[in-house]
PDB file of all heavy atoms in Angstrom:
ATOM      1  N   GLU A   1       6.284  14.287  -0.161  1.00  0.00           N
ATOM      2  CA  GLU A   1       7.412  14.344   0.764  1.00  0.00           C
ATOM      3  C   GLU A   1       7.343  13.262   1.840  1.00  0.00           C
ATOM      4  O   GLU A   1       8.351  12.916   2.449  1.00  0.00           O
ATOM      5  CB  GLU A   1       7.475  15.717   1.453  1.00  0.00           C
ATOM      6  CG  GLU A   1       7.648  16.890   0.515  1.00  0.00           C
ATOM      7  CD  GLU A   1       6.320  17.359  -0.103  1.00  0.00           C
ATOM      8  OE1 GLU A   1       5.236  17.028   0.406  1.00  0.00           O
ATOM      9  OE2 GLU A   1       6.382  18.067  -1.119  1.00  0.00           O
ATOM     10  N   THR A   2       6.153  12.743   2.123  1.00  0.00           N
ATOM     11  CA  THR A   2       6.011  11.671   3.106  1.00  0.00           C
ATOM     12  C   THR A   2       6.003  10.339   2.371  1.00  0.00           C
ATOM     13  O   THR A   2       5.795  10.290   1.170  1.00  0.00           O
ATOM     14  CB  THR A   2       4.713  11.833   3.920  1.00  0.00           C
ATOM     15  OG1 THR A   2       3.602  11.743   3.035  1.00  0.00           O
ATOM     16  CG2 THR A   2       4.702  13.161   4.650  1.00  0.00           C
ATOM     17  N   ARG A   3       6.224   9.258   3.104  1.00  0.00           N
ATOM     18  CA  ARG A   3       6.233   7.954   2.460  1.00  0.00           C
ATOM     19  C   ARG A   3       6.030   6.843   3.473  1.00  0.00           C
ATOM     20  O   ARG A   3       6.201   7.034   4.676  1.00  0.00           O
ATOM     21  CB  ARG A   3       7.555   7.732   1.727  1.00  0.00           C
ATOM     22  CG  ARG A   3       8.718   7.571   2.683  1.00  0.00           C
ATOM     23  CD  ARG A   3       9.986   7.214   1.951  1.00  0.00           C
ATOM     24  NE  ARG A   3      11.045   6.943   2.881  1.00  0.00           N
ATOM     25  CZ  ARG A   3      12.156   7.653   2.975  1.00  0.00           C
ATOM     26  NH1 ARG A   3      12.348   8.681   2.195  1.00  0.00           N
ATOM     27  NH2 ARG A   3      13.077   7.325   3.848  1.00  0.00           N
ATOM     28  N   TRP A   4       5.696   5.678   2.951  1.00  0.00           N
ATOM     29  CA  TRP A   4       5.710   4.447   3.725  1.00  0.00           C
ATOM     30  C   TRP A   4       6.984   3.719   3.336  1.00  0.00           C
ATOM     31  O   TRP A   4       7.381   3.700   2.176  1.00  0.00           O
ATOM     32  CB  TRP A   4       4.478   3.603   3.392  1.00  0.00           C
ATOM     33  CG  TRP A   4       4.529   2.270   4.072  1.00  0.00           C
ATOM     34  CD1 TRP A   4       4.093   1.979   5.326  1.00  0.00           C
ATOM     35  CD2 TRP A   4       5.061   1.060   3.530  1.00  0.00           C
ATOM     36  NE1 TRP A   4       4.338   0.649   5.613  1.00  0.00           N
ATOM     37  CE2 TRP A   4       4.933   0.075   4.515  1.00  0.00           C
ATOM     38  CE3 TRP A   4       5.654   0.726   2.322  1.00  0.00           C
ATOM     39  CZ2 TRP A   4       5.348  -1.233   4.330  1.00  0.00           C
ATOM     40  CZ3 TRP A   4       6.081  -0.582   2.140  1.00  0.00           C
ATOM     41  CH2 TRP A   4       5.920  -1.542   3.135  1.00  0.00           C
ATOM     42  N   ASP A   5       7.645   3.112   4.298  1.00  0.00           N
ATOM     43  CA  ASP A   5       8.922   2.451   4.077  1.00  0.00           C
ATOM     44  C   ASP A   5       8.895   1.096   4.778  1.00  0.00           C
ATOM     45  O   ASP A   5       8.565   1.011   5.961  1.00  0.00           O
ATOM     46  CB  ASP A   5      10.027   3.345   4.665  1.00  0.00           C
ATOM     47  CG  ASP A   5      11.418   2.906   4.300  1.00  0.00           C
ATOM     48  OD1 ASP A   5      11.704   1.692   4.339  1.00  0.00           O
ATOM     49  OD2 ASP A   5      12.229   3.784   3.986  1.00  0.00           O
ATOM     50  N   SER A   6       9.262   0.031   4.058  1.00  0.00           N
ATOM     51  CA  SER A   6       9.250  -1.309   4.650  1.00  0.00           C
ATOM     52  C   SER A   6      10.308  -1.468   5.739  1.00  0.00           C
ATOM     53  O   SER A   6      10.194  -2.364   6.581  1.00  0.00           O
ATOM     54  CB  SER A   6       9.463  -2.369   3.569  1.00  0.00           C
ATOM     55  OG  SER A   6      10.774  -2.292   3.036  1.00  0.00           O
ATOM     56  N   GLU A   7      11.338  -0.652   5.715  1.00  0.00           N
ATOM     57  CA  GLU A   7      12.432  -0.664   6.685  1.00  0.00           C
ATOM     58  C   GLU A   7      13.248  -1.961   6.677  1.00  0.00           C
ATOM     59  O   GLU A   7      14.112  -2.147   7.515  1.00  0.00           O
ATOM     60  CB  GLU A   7      11.933  -0.349   8.096  1.00  0.00           C
ATOM     61  CG  GLU A   7      11.348   1.041   8.198  1.00  0.00           C
ATOM     62  CD  GLU A   7      10.908   1.413   9.600  1.00  0.00           C
ATOM     63  OE1 GLU A   7      10.972   0.573  10.518  1.00  0.00           O
ATOM     64  OE2 GLU A   7      10.495   2.568   9.769  1.00  0.00           O
ATOM     65  N   VAL A   8      12.939  -2.864   5.759  1.00  0.00           N
ATOM     66  CA  VAL A   8      13.718  -4.091   5.563  1.00  0.00           C
ATOM     67  C   VAL A   8      13.889  -4.282   4.054  1.00  0.00           C
ATOM     68  O   VAL A   8      13.171  -3.679   3.253  1.00  0.00           O
ATOM     69  CB  VAL A   8      13.051  -5.332   6.192  1.00  0.00           C
ATOM     70  CG1 VAL A   8      12.954  -5.182   7.707  1.00  0.00           C
ATOM     71  CG2 VAL A   8      11.678  -5.578   5.596  1.00  0.00           C
ATOM     72  N   ALA A   9      14.821  -5.133   3.675  1.00  0.00           N
ATOM     73  CA  ALA A   9      15.078  -5.376   2.257  1.00  0.00           C
ATOM     74  C   ALA A   9      13.820  -5.857   1.543  1.00  0.00           C
ATOM     75  O   ALA A   9      13.026  -6.640   2.091  1.00  0.00           O
ATOM     76  CB  ALA A   9      16.188  -6.405   2.101  1.00  0.00           C
ATOM     77  N   LEU A  10      13.642  -5.382   0.317  1.00  0.00           N
ATOM     78  CA  LEU A  10      12.492  -5.733  -0.505  1.00  0.00           C
ATOM     79  C   LEU A  10      12.442  -7.229  -0.770  1.00  0.00           C
ATOM     80  O   LEU A  10      13.448  -7.843  -1.115  1.00  0.00           O
ATOM     81  CB  LEU A  10      12.593  -4.984  -1.845  1.00  0.00           C
ATOM     82  CG  LEU A  10      11.570  -5.331  -2.917  1.00  0.00           C
ATOM     83  CD1 LEU A  10      10.182  -4.890  -2.477  1.00  0.00           C
ATOM     84  CD2 LEU A  10      11.936  -4.674  -4.221  1.00  0.00           C
ATOM     85  N   THR A  11      11.272  -7.821  -0.593  1.00  0.00           N
ATOM     86  CA  THR A  11      11.039  -9.225  -0.935  1.00  0.00           C
ATOM     87  C   THR A  11       9.773  -9.307  -1.774  1.00  0.00           C
ATOM     88  O   THR A  11       8.921  -8.413  -1.732  1.00  0.00           O
ATOM     89  CB  THR A  11      10.867 -10.107   0.324  1.00  0.00           C
ATOM     90  OG1 THR A  11       9.702  -9.689   1.032  1.00  0.00           O
ATOM     91  CG2 THR A  11      12.083 -10.031   1.228  1.00  0.00           C
ATOM     92  N   GLY A  12       9.631 -10.376  -2.535  1.00  0.00           N
ATOM     93  CA  GLY A  12       8.489 -10.545  -3.424  1.00  0.00           C
ATOM     94  C   GLY A  12       7.166 -10.795  -2.736  1.00  0.00           C
ATOM     95  O   GLY A  12       6.112 -10.685  -3.353  1.00  0.00           O
ATOM     96  N   ASP A  13       7.190 -11.117  -1.447  1.00  0.00           N
ATOM     97  CA  ASP A  13       5.925 -11.399  -0.755  1.00  0.00           C
ATOM     98  C   ASP A  13       5.375 -10.190   0.004  1.00  0.00           C
ATOM     99  O   ASP A  13       4.376 -10.296   0.711  1.00  0.00           O
ATOM    100  CB  ASP A  13       6.070 -12.593   0.178  1.00  0.00           C
ATOM    101  CG  ASP A  13       7.110 -12.363   1.271  1.00  0.00           C
ATOM    102  OD1 ASP A  13       7.876 -11.395   1.178  1.00  0.00           O
ATOM    103  OD2 ASP A  13       7.153 -13.173   2.211  1.00  0.00           O
ATOM    104  N   MET A  14       5.988  -9.035  -0.157  1.00  0.00           N
ATOM    105  CA  MET A  14       5.487  -7.821   0.510  1.00  0.00           C
ATOM    106  C   MET A  14       4.228  -7.310  -0.182  1.00  0.00           C
ATOM    107  O   MET A  14       4.025  -7.539  -1.368  1.00  0.00           O
ATOM    108  CB  MET A  14       6.548  -6.720   0.478  1.00  0.00           C
ATOM    109  CG  MET A  14       7.717  -6.979   1.347  1.00  0.00           C
ATOM    110  SD  MET A  14       8.874  -5.592   1.235  1.00  0.00           S
ATOM    111  CE  MET A  14       9.942  -5.994   2.585  1.00  0.00           C
ATOM    112  N   TRP A  15       3.386  -6.630   0.592  1.00  0.00           N
ATOM    113  CA  TRP A  15       2.225  -5.951   0.029  1.00  0.00           C
ATOM    114  C   TRP A  15       1.828  -4.805   0.926  1.00  0.00           C
ATOM    115  O   TRP A  15       2.187  -4.767   2.092  1.00  0.00           O
ATOM    116  CB  TRP A  15       1.061  -6.905  -0.206  1.00  0.00           C
ATOM    117  CG  TRP A  15       0.638  -7.702   0.994  1.00  0.00           C
ATOM    118  CD1 TRP A  15       1.119  -8.923   1.364  1.00  0.00           C
ATOM    119  CD2 TRP A  15      -0.340  -7.345   1.973  1.00  0.00           C
ATOM    120  NE1 TRP A  15       0.505  -9.343   2.527  1.00  0.00           N
ATOM    121  CE2 TRP A  15      -0.404  -8.387   2.918  1.00  0.00           C
ATOM    122  CE3 TRP A  15      -1.170  -6.248   2.144  1.00  0.00           C
ATOM    123  CZ2 TRP A  15      -1.263  -8.361   4.000  1.00  0.00           C
ATOM    124  CZ3 TRP A  15      -2.030  -6.230   3.233  1.00  0.00           C
ATOM    125  CH2 TRP A  15      -2.063  -7.290   4.145  1.00  0.00           C
ATOM    126  N   TRP A  16       1.101  -3.864   0.345  1.00  0.00           N
ATOM    127  CA  TRP A  16       0.599  -2.681   1.055  1.00  0.00           C
ATOM    128  C   TRP A  16      -0.851  -2.534   0.652  1.00  0.00           C
ATOM    129  O   TRP A  16      -1.195  -2.627  -0.523  1.00  0.00           O
ATOM    130  CB  TRP A  16       1.429  -1.472   0.645  1.00  0.00           C
ATOM    131  CG  TRP A  16       1.067  -0.180   1.297  1.00  0.00           C
ATOM    132  CD1 TRP A  16       1.572   0.304   2.472  1.00  0.00           C
ATOM    133  CD2 TRP A  16       0.163   0.823   0.819  1.00  0.00           C
ATOM    134  NE1 TRP A  16       1.025   1.538   2.750  1.00  0.00           N
ATOM    135  CE2 TRP A  16       0.156   1.877   1.744  1.00  0.00           C
ATOM    136  CE3 TRP A  16      -0.658   0.921  -0.305  1.00  0.00           C
ATOM    137  CZ2 TRP A  16      -0.632   3.011   1.585  1.00  0.00           C
ATOM    138  CZ3 TRP A  16      -1.436   2.044  -0.472  1.00  0.00           C
ATOM    139  CH2 TRP A  16      -1.413   3.070   0.472  1.00  0.00           C
ATOM    140  N   GLN A  17      -1.719  -2.317   1.621  1.00  0.00           N
ATOM    141  CA  GLN A  17      -3.162  -2.306   1.358  1.00  0.00           C
ATOM    142  C   GLN A  17      -3.791  -0.988   1.781  1.00  0.00           C
ATOM    143  O   GLN A  17      -3.439  -0.426   2.814  1.00  0.00           O
ATOM    144  CB  GLN A  17      -3.815  -3.455   2.122  1.00  0.00           C
ATOM    145  CG  GLN A  17      -5.299  -3.569   1.905  1.00  0.00           C
ATOM    146  CD  GLN A  17      -5.857  -4.803   2.577  1.00  0.00           C
ATOM    147  OE1 GLN A  17      -5.385  -5.908   2.325  1.00  0.00           O
ATOM    148  NE2 GLN A  17      -6.846  -4.622   3.436  1.00  0.00           N
ATOM    149  N   LEU A  18      -4.740  -0.540   0.973  1.00  0.00           N
ATOM    150  CA  LEU A  18      -5.497   0.677   1.238  1.00  0.00           C
ATOM    151  C   LEU A  18      -6.969   0.321   1.315  1.00  0.00           C
ATOM    152  O   LEU A  18      -7.499  -0.352   0.429  1.00  0.00           O
ATOM    153  CB  LEU A  18      -5.255   1.685   0.106  1.00  0.00           C
ATOM    154  CG  LEU A  18      -6.071   2.971   0.126  1.00  0.00           C
ATOM    155  CD1 LEU A  18      -5.756   3.794   1.369  1.00  0.00           C
ATOM    156  CD2 LEU A  18      -5.774   3.780  -1.133  1.00  0.00           C
ATOM    157  N   ASP A  19      -7.651   0.744   2.387  1.00  0.00           N
ATOM    158  CA  ASP A  19      -9.091   0.557   2.558  1.00  0.00           C
ATOM    159  C   ASP A  19      -9.754   1.898   2.272  1.00  0.00           C
ATOM    160  O   ASP A  19      -9.547   2.870   3.004  1.00  0.00           O
ATOM    161  CB  ASP A  19      -9.384   0.089   3.982  1.00  0.00           C
ATOM    162  CG  ASP A  19     -10.865  -0.148   4.252  1.00  0.00           C
ATOM    163  OD1 ASP A  19     -11.720   0.218   3.411  1.00  0.00           O
ATOM    164  OD2 ASP A  19     -11.171  -0.692   5.331  1.00  0.00           O
ATOM    165  N   LEU A  20     -10.561   1.958   1.212  1.00  0.00           N
ATOM    166  CA  LEU A  20     -11.247   3.193   0.851  1.00  0.00           C
ATOM    167  C   LEU A  20     -12.479   3.459   1.722  1.00  0.00           C
ATOM    168  O   LEU A  20     -13.101   4.503   1.598  1.00  0.00           O
ATOM    169  CB  LEU A  20     -11.654   3.146  -0.630  1.00  0.00           C
ATOM    170  CG  LEU A  20     -10.496   3.026  -1.622  1.00  0.00           C
ATOM    171  CD1 LEU A  20     -11.033   2.837  -3.035  1.00  0.00           C
ATOM    172  CD2 LEU A  20      -9.582   4.234  -1.543  1.00  0.00           C
ATOM    173  N   GLY A  21     -12.835   2.501   2.585  1.00  0.00           N
ATOM    174  CA  GLY A  21     -13.956   2.696   3.497  1.00  0.00           C
ATOM    175  C   GLY A  21     -15.292   2.205   2.958  1.00  0.00           C
ATOM    176  O   GLY A  21     -16.188   1.870   3.713  1.00  0.00           O
ATOM    177  N   ARG A  22     -15.428   2.170   1.645  1.00  0.00           N
ATOM    178  CA  ARG A  22     -16.628   1.646   0.977  1.00  0.00           C
ATOM    179  C   ARG A  22     -16.251   1.368  -0.474  1.00  0.00           C
ATOM    180  O   ARG A  22     -15.207   1.817  -0.948  1.00  0.00           O
ATOM    181  CB  ARG A  22     -17.778   2.635   1.053  1.00  0.00           C
ATOM    182  CG  ARG A  22     -17.491   3.910   0.314  1.00  0.00           C
ATOM    183  CD  ARG A  22     -18.639   4.876   0.367  1.00  0.00           C
ATOM    184  NE  ARG A  22     -18.289   6.031  -0.453  1.00  0.00           N
ATOM    185  CZ  ARG A  22     -18.766   7.227  -0.288  1.00  0.00           C
ATOM    186  NH1 ARG A  22     -19.623   7.455   0.669  1.00  0.00           N
ATOM    187  NH2 ARG A  22     -18.405   8.208  -1.069  1.00  0.00           N
ATOM    188  N   ILE A  23     -17.081   0.666  -1.171  1.00  0.00           N
ATOM    189  CA  ILE A  23     -16.810   0.401  -2.581  1.00  0.00           C
ATOM    190  C   ILE A  23     -16.885   1.709  -3.351  1.00  0.00           C
ATOM    191  O   ILE A  23     -17.861   2.449  -3.244  1.00  0.00           O
ATOM    192  CB  ILE A  23     -17.775  -0.649  -3.149  1.00  0.00           C
ATOM    193  CG1 ILE A  23     -17.514  -2.003  -2.478  1.00  0.00           C
ATOM    194  CG2 ILE A  23     -17.627  -0.749  -4.664  1.00  0.00           C
ATOM    195  CD1 ILE A  23     -18.442  -3.112  -2.911  1.00  0.00           C
ATOM    196  N   GLU A  24     -15.819   1.995  -4.082  1.00  0.00           N
ATOM    197  CA  GLU A  24     -15.722   3.216  -4.879  1.00  0.00           C
ATOM    198  C   GLU A  24     -15.528   2.840  -6.350  1.00  0.00           C
ATOM    199  O   GLU A  24     -14.988   1.785  -6.660  1.00  0.00           O
ATOM    200  CB  GLU A  24     -14.521   4.060  -4.424  1.00  0.00           C
ATOM    201  CG  GLU A  24     -14.591   4.559  -3.016  1.00  0.00           C
ATOM    202  CD  GLU A  24     -15.509   5.763  -2.840  1.00  0.00           C
ATOM    203  OE1 GLU A  24     -15.989   6.322  -3.849  1.00  0.00           O
ATOM    204  OE2 GLU A  24     -15.742   6.141  -1.686  1.00  0.00           O
ATOM    205  N   THR A  25     -15.973   3.725  -7.223  1.00  0.00           N
ATOM    206  CA  THR A  25     -15.732   3.577  -8.658  1.00  0.00           C
ATOM    207  C   THR A  25     -14.671   4.588  -9.054  1.00  0.00           C
ATOM    208  O   THR A  25     -14.747   5.756  -8.672  1.00  0.00           O
ATOM    209  CB  THR A  25     -17.032   3.827  -9.456  1.00  0.00           C
ATOM    210  OG1 THR A  25     -18.027   2.892  -9.017  1.00  0.00           O
ATOM    211  CG2 THR A  25     -16.802   3.652 -10.943  1.00  0.00           C
ATOM    212  N   PHE A  26     -13.674   4.149  -9.802  1.00  0.00           N
ATOM    213  CA  PHE A  26     -12.573   5.031 -10.184  1.00  0.00           C
ATOM    214  C   PHE A  26     -11.993   4.593 -11.523  1.00  0.00           C
ATOM    215  O   PHE A  26     -12.230   3.480 -11.992  1.00  0.00           O
ATOM    216  CB  PHE A  26     -11.492   5.046  -9.101  1.00  0.00           C
ATOM    217  CG  PHE A  26     -11.019   3.677  -8.691  1.00  0.00           C
ATOM    218  CD1 PHE A  26      -9.941   3.084  -9.317  1.00  0.00           C
ATOM    219  CD2 PHE A  26     -11.671   2.985  -7.678  1.00  0.00           C
ATOM    220  CE1 PHE A  26      -9.514   1.822  -8.941  1.00  0.00           C
ATOM    221  CE2 PHE A  26     -11.243   1.726  -7.292  1.00  0.00           C
ATOM    222  CZ  PHE A  26     -10.164   1.142  -7.930  1.00  0.00           C
ATOM    223  N   LYS A  27     -11.225   5.511 -12.139  1.00  0.00           N
ATOM    224  CA  LYS A  27     -10.601   5.239 -13.438  1.00  0.00           C
ATOM    225  C   LYS A  27      -9.262   4.540 -13.300  1.00  0.00           C
ATOM    226  O   LYS A  27      -8.984   3.560 -13.967  1.00  0.00           O
ATOM    227  CB  LYS A  27     -10.388   6.541 -14.216  1.00  0.00           C
ATOM    228  CG  LYS A  27     -11.592   7.075 -14.888  1.00  0.00           C
ATOM    229  CD  LYS A  27     -11.191   8.271 -15.738  1.00  0.00           C
ATOM    230  CE  LYS A  27     -12.391   8.824 -16.462  1.00  0.00           C
ATOM    231  NZ  LYS A  27     -12.034   9.969 -17.299  1.00  0.00           N
TER     232      LYS A  27
END
């Protein structure tokens, strides 16, 4: 129900980053 929103028109140079806090192994 929650989200992140750029609040401006989509462009190809946008990015969103997540820091897991340490190196994690995942599938």
